[in-house]
C-alpha atoms as a PDB file:
ATOM      1  CA  MET A   1     -29.678  42.575   0.551  1.00  0.00           C
ATOM      2  CA  PRO A   2     -28.075  45.763  -0.736  1.00  0.00           C
ATOM      3  CA  THR A   3     -26.097  47.790   1.788  1.00  0.00           C
ATOM      4  CA  LEU A   4     -26.784  51.501   2.004  1.00  0.00           C
ATOM      5  CA  GLY A   5     -23.307  52.486   3.053  1.00  0.00           C
ATOM      6  CA  GLN A   6     -23.099  55.774   1.166  1.00  0.00           C
ATOM      7  CA  THR A   7     -24.595  58.353   3.486  1.00  0.00           C
ATOM      8  CA  ARG A   8     -26.205  61.546   2.280  1.00  0.00           C
ATOM      9  CA  GLY A   9     -25.578  63.568   5.409  1.00  0.00           C
ATOM     10  CA  ILE A  10     -26.395  63.506   9.064  1.00  0.00           C
ATOM     11  CA  ALA A  11     -30.031  63.616  10.100  1.00  0.00           C
ATOM     12  CA  VAL A  12     -30.785  66.643  12.236  1.00  0.00           C
ATOM     13  CA  SER A  13     -32.408  65.669  15.544  1.00  0.00           C
ATOM     14  CA  HIS A  14     -35.059  67.984  16.924  1.00  0.00           C
ATOM     15  CA  PHE A  15     -33.568  67.445  20.373  1.00  0.00           C
ATOM     16  CA  LYS A  16     -30.597  65.765  21.990  1.00  0.00           C
ATOM     17  CA  ALA A  17     -30.941  62.877  24.411  1.00  0.00           C
ATOM     18  CA  PRO A  18     -28.096  60.580  25.437  1.00  0.00           C
ATOM     19  CA  PRO A  19     -28.717  56.960  24.421  1.00  0.00           C
ATOM     20  CA  LYS A  20     -29.251  54.559  27.312  1.00  0.00           C
ATOM     21  CA  LYS A  21     -27.317  51.325  27.110  1.00  0.00           C
ATOM     22  CA  ASN A  22     -29.697  49.495  29.459  1.00  0.00           C
ATOM     23  CA  LEU A  23     -32.559  50.158  27.020  1.00  0.00           C
ATOM     24  CA  GLY A  24     -30.564  48.998  24.005  1.00  0.00           C
ATOM     25  CA  GLN A  25     -30.816  52.438  22.388  1.00  0.00           C
ATOM     26  CA  HIS A  26     -28.922  53.060  19.146  1.00  0.00           C
ATOM     27  CA  PHE A  27     -30.324  56.245  17.618  1.00  0.00           C
ATOM     28  CA  LEU A  28     -30.409  56.431  13.826  1.00  0.00           C
ATOM     29  CA  THR A  29     -28.513  59.520  12.641  1.00  0.00           C
ATOM     30  CA  ASP A  30     -28.149  59.130   8.877  1.00  0.00           C
ATOM     31  CA  ALA A  31     -30.474  61.209   6.691  1.00  0.00           C
ATOM     32  CA  GLY A  32     -29.974  58.982   3.652  1.00  0.00           C
ATOM     33  CA  ILE A  33     -31.162  55.903   5.526  1.00  0.00           C
ATOM     34  CA  VAL A  34     -34.174  57.824   6.876  1.00  0.00           C
ATOM     35  CA  GLU A  35     -35.028  58.881   3.321  1.00  0.00           C
ATOM     36  CA  HIS A  36     -34.855  55.300   2.119  1.00  0.00           C
ATOM     37  CA  ILE A  37     -37.049  54.061   4.969  1.00  0.00           C
ATOM     38  CA  LEU A  38     -39.665  56.659   4.000  1.00  0.00           C
ATOM     39  CA  HIS A  39     -39.391  55.546   0.380  1.00  0.00           C
ATOM     40  CA  VAL A  40     -40.077  51.873   1.156  1.00  0.00           C
ATOM     41  CA  LEU A  41     -42.753  52.781   3.728  1.00  0.00           C
ATOM     42  CA  ASP A  42     -44.504  55.051   1.216  1.00  0.00           C
ATOM     43  CA  PRO A  43     -47.278  56.330   3.533  1.00  0.00           C
ATOM     44  CA  LYS A  44     -50.595  57.137   1.859  1.00  0.00           C
ATOM     45  CA  PRO A  45     -53.528  59.324   2.964  1.00  0.00           C
ATOM     46  CA  GLY A  46     -55.692  57.378   5.392  1.00  0.00           C
ATOM     47  CA  ASP A  47     -52.881  55.118   6.617  1.00  0.00           C
ATOM     48  CA  VAL A  48     -52.752  54.646  10.385  1.00  0.00           C
ATOM     49  CA  LEU A  49     -49.055  54.678  11.216  1.00  0.00           C
ATOM     50  CA  VAL A  50     -47.537  53.536  14.516  1.00  0.00           C
ATOM     51  CA  GLU A  51     -43.833  53.817  15.299  1.00  0.00           C
ATOM     52  CA  ILE A  52     -42.172  51.647  17.933  1.00  0.00           C
ATOM     53  CA  GLY A  53     -39.300  53.361  19.743  1.00  0.00           C
ATOM     54  CA  PRO A  54     -39.066  56.850  18.193  1.00  0.00           C
ATOM     55  CA  GLY A  55     -35.911  57.751  20.145  1.00  0.00           C
ATOM     56  CA  GLN A  56     -34.712  61.208  19.083  1.00  0.00           C
ATOM     57  CA  GLY A  57     -37.274  61.320  16.296  1.00  0.00           C
ATOM     58  CA  ALA A  58     -35.007  60.628  13.290  1.00  0.00           C
ATOM     59  CA  ILE A  59     -37.795  58.680  11.573  1.00  0.00           C
ATOM     60  CA  THR A  60     -40.669  60.219  13.549  1.00  0.00           C
ATOM     61  CA  PHE A  61     -40.558  63.788  12.315  1.00  0.00           C
ATOM     62  CA  PRO A  62     -39.943  63.071   8.607  1.00  0.00           C
ATOM     63  CA  ILE A  63     -43.004  60.770   8.713  1.00  0.00           C
ATOM     64  CA  LEU A  64     -44.991  63.401  10.603  1.00  0.00           C
ATOM     65  CA  LYS A  65     -44.074  66.117   8.086  1.00  0.00           C
ATOM     66  CA  ARG A  66     -45.091  63.910   5.175  1.00  0.00           C
ATOM     67  CA  HIS A  67     -48.148  62.211   6.644  1.00  0.00           C
ATOM     68  CA  GLY A  68     -49.499  64.704   9.186  1.00  0.00           C
ATOM     69  CA  SER A  69     -50.286  62.221  11.966  1.00  0.00           C
ATOM     70  CA  LEU A  70     -48.436  59.470  13.777  1.00  0.00           C
ATOM     71  CA  THR A  71     -48.714  57.409  16.962  1.00  0.00           C
ATOM     72  CA  VAL A  72     -45.454  56.485  18.709  1.00  0.00           C
ATOM     73  CA  ILE A  73     -44.782  53.982  21.498  1.00  0.00           C
ATOM     74  CA  GLU A  74     -41.940  55.069  23.777  1.00  0.00           C
ATOM     75  CA  PHE A  75     -40.848  53.507  27.068  1.00  0.00           C
ATOM     76  CA  ASP A  76     -38.134  56.017  28.006  1.00  0.00           C
ATOM     77  CA  ARG A  77     -39.848  58.706  30.112  1.00  0.00           C
ATOM     78  CA  ASP A  78     -37.028  61.174  29.424  1.00  0.00           C
ATOM     79  CA  LEU A  79     -38.018  61.254  25.747  1.00  0.00           C
ATOM     80  CA  ILE A  80     -41.754  61.914  26.179  1.00  0.00           C
ATOM     81  CA  THR A  81     -41.667  65.680  26.755  1.00  0.00           C
ATOM     82  CA  PRO A  82     -38.985  66.410  24.111  1.00  0.00           C
ATOM     83  CA  LEU A  83     -40.927  64.400  21.519  1.00  0.00           C
ATOM     84  CA  SER A  84     -44.162  66.191  22.357  1.00  0.00           C
ATOM     85  CA  GLU A  85     -42.571  69.642  22.257  1.00  0.00           C
ATOM     86  CA  ALA A  86     -40.692  68.993  19.012  1.00  0.00           C
ATOM     87  CA  ALA A  87     -43.933  67.927  17.281  1.00  0.00           C
ATOM     88  CA  HIS A  88     -45.570  71.350  17.733  1.00  0.00           C
ATOM     89  CA  GLY A  89     -46.302  72.858  14.347  1.00  0.00           C
ATOM     90  CA  ILE A  90     -45.327  69.727  12.440  1.00  0.00           C
ATOM     91  CA  GLY A  91     -48.293  67.387  12.818  1.00  0.00           C
ATOM     92  CA  GLU A  92     -50.469  65.409  15.184  1.00  0.00           C
ATOM     93  CA  LEU A  93     -48.237  63.212  17.323  1.00  0.00           C
ATOM     94  CA  THR A  94     -49.883  60.779  19.760  1.00  0.00           C
ATOM     95  CA  ILE A  95     -47.462  59.358  22.320  1.00  0.00           C
ATOM     96  CA  VAL A  96     -48.126  56.058  24.102  1.00  0.00           C
ATOM     97  CA  HIS A  97     -45.784  55.988  27.107  1.00  0.00           C
ATOM     98  CA  LYS A  98     -45.591  52.257  27.696  1.00  0.00           C
ATOM     99  CA  ASP A  99     -43.482  49.131  27.355  1.00  0.00           C
ATOM    100  CA  VAL A 100     -44.273  47.923  23.826  1.00  0.00           C
ATOM    101  CA  LEU A 101     -44.616  44.355  25.148  1.00  0.00           C
ATOM    102  CA  GLN A 102     -47.602  45.580  27.195  1.00  0.00           C
ATOM    103  CA  VAL A 103     -49.323  47.391  24.326  1.00  0.00           C
ATOM    104  CA  ASP A 104     -52.607  45.924  23.079  1.00  0.00           C
ATOM    105  CA  PHE A 105     -52.297  46.548  19.354  1.00  0.00           C
ATOM    106  CA  ASP A 106     -55.865  45.372  18.766  1.00  0.00           C
ATOM    107  CA  ARG A 107     -57.155  48.147  21.010  1.00  0.00           C
ATOM    108  CA  LEU A 108     -54.708  50.640  19.523  1.00  0.00           C
ATOM    109  CA  ALA A 109     -55.900  49.815  16.005  1.00  0.00           C
ATOM    110  CA  GLY A 110     -59.613  49.945  16.824  1.00  0.00           C
ATOM    111  CA  ASP A 111     -61.513  49.541  13.552  1.00  0.00           C
ATOM    112  CA  ASN A 112     -58.388  50.167  11.476  1.00  0.00           C
ATOM    113  CA  ARG A 113     -55.465  48.082  10.335  1.00  0.00           C
ATOM    114  CA  ILE A 114     -52.267  49.758  11.414  1.00  0.00           C
ATOM    115  CA  ARG A 115     -48.894  50.039   9.722  1.00  0.00           C
ATOM    116  CA  LEU A 116     -45.948  49.540  12.069  1.00  0.00           C
ATOM    117  CA  VAL A 117     -42.497  51.031  11.646  1.00  0.00           C
ATOM    118  CA  GLY A 118     -39.509  51.317  13.939  1.00  0.00           C
ATOM    119  CA  ASN A 119     -35.858  50.951  14.799  1.00  0.00           C
ATOM    120  CA  LEU A 120     -36.470  48.221  17.374  1.00  0.00           C
ATOM    121  CA  PRO A 121     -34.377  47.961  20.558  1.00  0.00           C
ATOM    122  CA  TYR A 122     -31.979  45.164  19.670  1.00  0.00           C
ATOM    123  CA  ASN A 123     -31.990  43.644  23.150  1.00  0.00           C
ATOM    124  CA  ILE A 124     -35.717  42.805  22.982  1.00  0.00           C
ATOM    125  CA  SER A 125     -36.392  42.678  19.241  1.00  0.00           C
ATOM    126  CA  THR A 126     -37.407  38.993  19.166  1.00  0.00           C
ATOM    127  CA  PRO A 127     -39.946  39.333  22.031  1.00  0.00           C
ATOM    128  CA  ILE A 128     -41.385  42.366  20.219  1.00  0.00           C
ATOM    129  CA  LEU A 129     -41.790  40.364  17.014  1.00  0.00           C
ATOM    130  CA  PHE A 130     -43.591  37.538  18.823  1.00  0.00           C
ATOM    131  CA  HIS A 131     -45.817  40.062  20.617  1.00  0.00           C
ATOM    132  CA  VAL A 132     -46.794  41.766  17.360  1.00  0.00           C
ATOM    133  CA  LEU A 133     -47.571  38.348  15.829  1.00  0.00           C
ATOM    134  CA  GLU A 134     -50.329  37.916  18.409  1.00  0.00           C
ATOM    135  CA  HIS A 135     -52.056  40.985  16.955  1.00  0.00           C
ATOM    136  CA  CYS A 136     -51.167  40.610  13.289  1.00  0.00           C
ATOM    137  CA  ARG A 137     -54.804  40.507  12.182  1.00  0.00           C
ATOM    138  CA  GLN A 138     -54.908  44.219  12.993  1.00  0.00           C
ATOM    139  CA  VAL A 139     -51.626  44.964  11.222  1.00  0.00           C
ATOM    140  CA  ARG A 140     -51.362  45.750   7.508  1.00  0.00           C
ATOM    141  CA  ASP A 141     -47.587  45.690   7.295  1.00  0.00           C
ATOM    142  CA  MET A 142     -44.411  46.278   9.291  1.00  0.00           C
ATOM    143  CA  HIS A 143     -41.099  47.932   8.423  1.00  0.00           C
ATOM    144  CA  PHE A 144     -38.508  47.263  11.113  1.00  0.00           C
ATOM    145  CA  MET A 145     -34.808  47.952  11.605  1.00  0.00           C
ATOM    146  CA  LEU A 146     -33.142  45.002  13.339  1.00  0.00           C
ATOM    147  CA  GLN A 147     -29.805  43.292  13.691  1.00  0.00           C
ATOM    148  CA  LYS A 148     -28.903  41.852  10.305  1.00  0.00           C
ATOM    149  CA  GLU A 149     -28.482  38.363  11.772  1.00  0.00           C
ATOM    150  CA  VAL A 150     -32.041  38.517  13.161  1.00  0.00           C
ATOM    151  CA  VAL A 151     -33.401  39.468   9.730  1.00  0.00           C
ATOM    152  CA  GLU A 152     -31.450  36.574   8.210  1.00  0.00           C
ATOM    153  CA  ARG A 153     -33.005  34.198  10.766  1.00  0.00           C
ATOM    154  CA  MET A 154     -36.463  35.584  10.032  1.00  0.00           C
ATOM    155  CA  ALA A 155     -36.096  34.888   6.305  1.00  0.00           C
ATOM    156  CA  ALA A 156     -34.113  31.604   6.522  1.00  0.00           C
ATOM    157  CA  GLY A 157     -35.417  28.483   4.824  1.00  0.00           C
ATOM    158  CA  PRO A 158     -35.341  24.806   5.877  1.00  0.00           C
ATOM    159  CA  GLY A 159     -31.907  23.204   5.773  1.00  0.00           C
ATOM    160  CA  SER A 160     -30.195  26.355   6.995  1.00  0.00           C
ATOM    161  CA  LYS A 161     -28.403  26.376  10.357  1.00  0.00           C
ATOM    162  CA  ILE A 162     -30.183  29.621  11.241  1.00  0.00           C
ATOM    163  CA  TYR A 163     -33.667  28.341  10.321  1.00  0.00           C
ATOM    164  CA  GLY A 164     -35.543  28.079  13.599  1.00  0.00           C
ATOM    165  CA  ARG A 165     -38.599  28.890  15.647  1.00  0.00           C
ATOM    166  CA  LEU A 166     -38.548  32.571  14.693  1.00  0.00           C
ATOM    167  CA  SER A 167     -38.338  31.690  10.982  1.00  0.00           C
ATOM    168  CA  VAL A 168     -41.287  29.292  11.136  1.00  0.00           C
ATOM    169  CA  MET A 169     -43.551  31.421  13.328  1.00  0.00           C
ATOM    170  CA  LEU A 170     -43.090  34.518  11.177  1.00  0.00           C
ATOM    171  CA  GLN A 171     -43.217  32.832   7.780  1.00  0.00           C
ATOM    172  CA  ALA A 172     -46.362  30.916   8.763  1.00  0.00           C
ATOM    173  CA  VAL A 173     -48.358  34.162   8.958  1.00  0.00           C
ATOM    174  CA  CYS A 174     -46.305  36.779   7.079  1.00  0.00           C
ATOM    175  CA  ASP A 175     -44.389  37.372   3.892  1.00  0.00           C
ATOM    176  CA  VAL A 176     -40.864  38.202   5.127  1.00  0.00           C
ATOM    177  CA  ILE A 177     -39.004  40.531   2.745  1.00  0.00           C
ATOM    178  CA  PRO A 178     -35.465  41.693   3.632  1.00  0.00           C
ATOM    179  CA  LEU A 179     -34.952  45.135   2.074  1.00  0.00           C
ATOM    180  CA  PHE A 180     -31.501  46.609   2.718  1.00  0.00           C
ATOM    181  CA  ASP A 181     -28.550  46.543   5.112  1.00  0.00           C
ATOM    182  CA  VAL A 182     -27.470  49.466   7.287  1.00  0.00           C
ATOM    183  CA  PRO A 183     -23.860  49.774   8.547  1.00  0.00           C
ATOM    184  CA  PRO A 184     -23.001  50.625  12.170  1.00  0.00           C
ATOM    185  CA  HIS A 185     -21.764  54.171  11.478  1.00  0.00           C
ATOM    186  CA  CYS A 186     -25.349  55.256  10.716  1.00  0.00           C
ATOM    187  CA  PHE A 187     -26.188  55.131  14.449  1.00  0.00           C
ATOM    188  CA  ASN A 188     -25.242  56.820  17.701  1.00  0.00           C
ATOM    189  CA  PRO A 189     -23.701  54.951  19.374  1.00  0.00           C
ATOM    190  CA  PRO A 190     -22.636  52.610  16.559  1.00  0.00           C
ATOM    191  CA  PRO A 191     -23.754  49.046  17.356  1.00  0.00           C
ATOM    192  CA  LYS A 192     -21.176  46.267  17.161  1.00  0.00           C
ATOM    193  CA  VAL A 193     -23.272  44.509  14.503  1.00  0.00           C
ATOM    194  CA  ASN A 194     -24.685  45.315  11.082  1.00  0.00           C
ATOM    195  CA  SER A 195     -28.357  46.166  10.851  1.00  0.00           C
ATOM    196  CA  ALA A 196     -31.037  45.605   8.226  1.00  0.00           C
ATOM    197  CA  VAL A 197     -34.517  46.785   7.350  1.00  0.00           C
ATOM    198  CA  VAL A 198     -37.185  44.151   6.727  1.00  0.00           C
ATOM    199  CA  ARG A 199     -40.792  44.281   5.545  1.00  0.00           C
ATOM    200  CA  LEU A 200     -43.378  41.921   7.072  1.00  0.00           C
ATOM    201  CA  VAL A 201     -46.772  41.614   5.411  1.00  0.00           C
ATOM    202  CA  PRO A 202     -49.327  39.535   7.359  1.00  0.00           C
ATOM    203  CA  ARG A 203     -51.407  37.241   5.181  1.00  0.00           C
ATOM    204  CA  GLU A 204     -55.170  37.053   5.572  1.00  0.00           C
ATOM    205  CA  ALA A 205     -56.320  34.483   8.138  1.00  0.00           C
ATOM    206  CA  GLY A 206     -57.756  32.208   5.448  1.00  0.00           C
ATOM    207  CA  GLU A 207     -54.440  32.131   3.583  1.00  0.00           C
ATOM    208  CA  ARG A 208     -52.419  30.956   6.588  1.00  0.00           C
ATOM    209  CA  GLY A 209     -54.205  27.638   6.984  1.00  0.00           C
ATOM    210  CA  ILE A 210     -53.533  27.390  10.724  1.00  0.00           C
ATOM    211  CA  ARG A 211     -56.587  25.963  12.500  1.00  0.00           C
ATOM    212  CA  ASP A 212     -55.304  26.195  16.073  1.00  0.00           C
ATOM    213  CA  SER A 213     -52.619  28.819  16.682  1.00  0.00           C
ATOM    214  CA  ILE A 214     -51.945  27.591  20.226  1.00  0.00           C
ATOM    215  CA  ARG A 215     -51.303  24.012  19.074  1.00  0.00           C
ATOM    216  CA  PHE A 216     -49.179  25.260  16.162  1.00  0.00           C
ATOM    217  CA  GLU A 217     -47.052  27.405  18.474  1.00  0.00           C
ATOM    218  CA  ALA A 218     -46.567  24.482  20.879  1.00  0.00           C
ATOM    219  CA  VAL A 219     -45.486  22.120  18.087  1.00  0.00           C
ATOM    220  CA  VAL A 220     -42.954  24.608  16.699  1.00  0.00           C
ATOM    221  CA  ARG A 221     -41.635  25.492  20.164  1.00  0.00           C
ATOM    222  CA  ASP A 222     -41.053  21.854  21.150  1.00  0.00           C
ATOM    223  CA  ALA A 223     -39.620  20.924  17.759  1.00  0.00           C
ATOM    224  CA  PHE A 224     -36.848  23.515  18.064  1.00  0.00           C
ATOM    225  CA  SER A 225     -36.308  23.298  21.828  1.00  0.00           C
ATOM    226  CA  GLN A 226     -33.466  20.802  21.320  1.00  0.00           C
ATOM    227  CA  ARG A 227     -32.318  21.053  17.725  1.00  0.00           C
ATOM    228  CA  ARG A 228     -30.160  17.921  17.784  1.00  0.00           C
ATOM    229  CA  LYS A 229     -33.091  15.691  18.667  1.00  0.00           C
ATOM    230  CA  THR A 230     -35.120  13.946  16.013  1.00  0.00           C
ATOM    231  CA  LEU A 231     -38.750  14.998  15.832  1.00  0.00           C
ATOM    232  CA  ARG A 232     -39.778  11.593  17.169  1.00  0.00           C
ATOM    233  CA  ASN A 233     -38.108  12.573  20.449  1.00  0.00           C
ATOM    234  CA  ALA A 234     -38.523  16.354  20.416  1.00  0.00           C
ATOM    235  CA  LEU A 235     -42.282  16.097  19.814  1.00  0.00           C
ATOM    236  CA  ALA A 236     -42.958  13.078  22.037  1.00  0.00           C
ATOM    237  CA  LYS A 237     -45.321  15.170  24.206  1.00  0.00           C
ATOM    238  CA  GLN A 238     -47.201  16.452  21.170  1.00  0.00           C
ATOM    239  CA  CYS A 239     -47.617  13.430  18.917  1.00  0.00           C
ATOM    240  CA  THR A 240     -46.568   9.889  18.045  1.00  0.00           C
ATOM    241  CA  ALA A 241     -44.187   8.787  15.315  1.00  0.00           C
ATOM    242  CA  GLN A 242     -47.209   7.491  13.396  1.00  0.00           C
ATOM    243  CA  GLN A 243     -48.872  10.904  13.519  1.00  0.00           C
ATOM    244  CA  LEU A 244     -45.685  12.445  12.143  1.00  0.00           C
ATOM    245  CA  GLU A 245     -45.709   9.954   9.269  1.00  0.00           C
ATOM    246  CA  ASP A 246     -49.402  10.587   8.648  1.00  0.00           C
ATOM    247  CA  ALA A 247     -48.553  14.282   8.229  1.00  0.00           C
ATOM    248  CA  GLY A 248     -45.855  13.412   5.698  1.00  0.00           C
ATOM    249  CA  ILE A 249     -42.923  14.075   8.068  1.00  0.00           C
ATOM    250  CA  ARG A 250     -40.135  11.587   8.728  1.00  0.00           C
ATOM    251  CA  PRO A 251     -39.912  10.846  12.478  1.00  0.00           C
ATOM    252  CA  ASP A 252     -36.098  10.759  12.231  1.00  0.00           C
ATOM    253  CA  ALA A 253     -35.962  14.254  10.690  1.00  0.00           C
ATOM    254  CA  ARG A 254     -34.805  17.250  12.697  1.00  0.00           C
ATOM    255  CA  ALA A 255     -36.774  20.462  13.017  1.00  0.00           C
ATOM    256  CA  GLU A 256     -34.393  22.477  10.836  1.00  0.00           C
ATOM    257  CA  GLN A 257     -35.178  20.165   7.894  1.00  0.00           C
ATOM    258  CA  VAL A 258     -38.965  20.659   7.989  1.00  0.00           C
ATOM    259  CA  PRO A 259     -40.658  23.333   5.826  1.00  0.00           C
ATOM    260  CA  VAL A 260     -43.161  25.750   7.347  1.00  0.00           C
ATOM    261  CA  GLU A 261     -46.118  24.186   5.539  1.00  0.00           C
ATOM    262  CA  ASP A 262     -45.284  20.774   7.043  1.00  0.00           C
ATOM    263  CA  PHE A 263     -45.417  22.203  10.568  1.00  0.00           C
ATOM    264  CA  ILE A 264     -48.811  23.723   9.746  1.00  0.00           C
ATOM    265  CA  ARG A 265     -50.100  20.420   8.340  1.00  0.00           C
ATOM    266  CA  LEU A 266     -48.904  18.496  11.405  1.00  0.00           C
ATOM    267  CA  ALA A 267     -50.490  20.952  13.870  1.00  0.00           C
ATOM    268  CA  ASN A 268     -53.752  20.859  11.911  1.00  0.00           C
ATOM    269  CA  ARG A 269     -53.862  17.052  11.977  1.00  0.00           C
ATOM    270  CA  LEU A 270     -53.199  17.043  15.715  1.00  0.00           C
ATOM    271  CA  HIS A 271     -55.961  19.615  16.165  1.00  0.00           C
ATOM    272  CA  GLY A 272     -58.334  17.380  14.203  1.00  0.00           C
ATOM    273  CA  ASP A 273     -57.314  14.276  16.142  1.00  0.00           C
END
């Protein structure tokens, strides 16, 4: 992924709010990065845009100026009034004051398919990704800022040491496209890790091939619960060695060696059985 290390200036916040360490807040401050996020997001008339974690509004207000309407999900109560007041005269800002893990994206989308964007809180980014997956039928695409190592895990392939449950669960239902890296100095406070922006595009239900999402999730979870175990042992509660062989998977293989499509085929066979 290219790194956007050359900044074009500091983004002007519409209000100041001290970042809270307990909420994992690292506010984006670089105008060049914001510009590039808008470029890859490329909002069109009629798009229903939802931002997770607007913070000081570095991404929020440029989107609002360009698109005219935006829904944001913000947990920090101290940011609700400043966000609302700063939006006056810019566009229609709808604020959902709630923990994103409690948000029903199906209800939020209604009859639409939403586009998600956000600089996700790094301390709960993986739970957020799994939560959004549960509602991905109502999501058109996602553009998220995350720790670079999380993005690398999301996009990792079989045989890699970082290929795991997150990789399989996301790649089974989405195209995962890493876009660009973002260095620490683009944030306040600077995180101790590099960041990256990634695009997730959910595939249509018929393209995923998963017949039973609950069984699929259970198979993947157990397979990676103890990475050193062979699948014969790791999946003993889910299937027999013969069922693994029938699905074209070696019982002595380990989870990190198995492609996404093989996990789908195994879960489908178990569902049929």
